Amino acid sequence: MCISLKSLFSRHKGIGVQFSDEPTGNLDTRTSLEVMQLLKMTTTEFGQTLVMITHNPELAQIADRMLHIEDGKITE
């Protein structure tokens, strides 16, 4: 699947969206935490939204809001 990322990002007065699919999938625990802290910091500093897909429940707990997908349907 190929997605044109330019159309997915909103850039108006510095506000935007970060899309991250398994950002820590191949990292050790310490580096995973560092990456998540950086992502969280940038969303706060730049007033951005982070849309993150993960199978890691511990990383998901960092989120302000979680949505689950089960059998192709979004659940909360």
Protein backbone atom coordinates (compact mmCIF):
# COMPACT_ATOMS: atom_id res chain seq x y z
CA MET A 1 0.00 0.00 0.00
CA CYS A 2 1.30 3.45 -0.87
CA ILE A 3 -0.09 6.56 0.82
CA SER A 4 0.80 10.11 -0.14
CA LEU A 5 1.82 11.57 3.23
CA LYS A 6 1.74 15.19 2.12
CA SER A 7 -2.04 15.21 2.02
CA LEU A 8 -2.25 13.62 5.47
CA PHE A 9 -0.40 16.41 7.28
CA SER A 10 -2.11 19.61 8.31
CA ARG A 11 0.25 22.58 8.56
CA HIS A 12 -1.48 25.73 9.74
CA LYS A 13 0.24 28.04 12.22
CA GLY A 14 2.57 25.23 13.32
CA ILE A 15 -0.21 22.82 14.20
CA GLY A 16 0.01 19.38 12.68
CA VAL A 17 -0.43 15.67 13.01
CA GLN A 18 2.28 13.04 13.48
CA PHE A 19 1.46 9.55 12.19
CA SER A 20 3.51 6.77 13.72
CA ASP A 21 3.07 3.06 13.02
CA GLU A 22 4.83 0.92 15.65
CA PRO A 23 7.46 3.60 16.44
CA THR A 24 9.24 1.34 18.92
CA GLY A 25 8.59 -2.06 17.35
CA ASN A 26 12.25 -3.10 17.00
CA LEU A 27 13.74 -1.20 19.94
CA ASP A 28 14.84 -2.27 23.40
CA THR A 29 12.85 -1.09 26.42
CA ARG A 30 15.09 1.87 27.31
CA THR A 31 15.25 3.23 23.76
CA SER A 32 11.50 2.71 23.36
CA LEU A 33 10.85 4.89 26.40
CA GLU A 34 13.22 7.57 25.06
CA VAL A 35 11.46 7.60 21.68
CA MET A 36 8.05 7.87 23.34
CA GLN A 37 9.23 10.72 25.56
CA LEU A 38 10.49 12.56 22.46
CA LEU A 39 7.22 12.01 20.62
CA LYS A 40 5.22 13.21 23.63
CA MET A 41 7.48 16.26 24.05
CA THR A 42 7.17 17.31 20.41
CA THR A 43 3.38 16.99 20.45
CA THR A 44 3.24 19.23 23.51
CA GLU A 45 5.86 21.73 22.31
CA PHE A 46 4.43 22.12 18.82
CA GLY A 47 0.75 21.64 19.65
CA GLN A 48 0.50 18.53 17.50
CA THR A 49 -1.61 15.42 17.58
CA LEU A 50 0.09 12.04 17.53
CA VAL A 51 -1.74 9.16 15.88
CA MET A 52 0.15 6.04 16.91
CA ILE A 53 -0.51 2.43 16.10
CA THR A 54 0.97 -0.09 18.52
CA HIS A 55 0.50 -3.59 19.82
CA ASN A 56 2.36 -2.67 23.03
CA PRO A 57 -0.13 -2.05 25.88
CA GLU A 58 2.47 -0.26 28.03
CA LEU A 59 3.16 2.29 25.29
CA ALA A 60 -0.54 2.73 24.68
CA GLN A 61 -0.99 3.75 28.33
CA ILE A 62 1.03 6.92 27.61
CA ALA A 63 -1.74 8.14 25.29
CA ASP A 64 -4.34 10.70 26.28
CA ARG A 65 -6.92 8.64 24.41
CA MET A 66 -6.94 5.08 23.11
CA LEU A 67 -9.04 3.52 20.41
CA HIS A 68 -9.04 -0.20 19.80
CA ILE A 69 -9.74 -1.92 16.51
CA GLU A 70 -11.40 -5.30 16.77
CA ASP A 71 -12.60 -7.22 13.74
CA GLY A 72 -12.19 -4.10 11.60
CA LYS A 73 -14.33 -1.92 13.88
CA ILE A 74 -13.19 0.92 16.14
CA THR A 75 -14.04 0.43 19.83
CA GLU A 76 -13.01 2.52 22.81
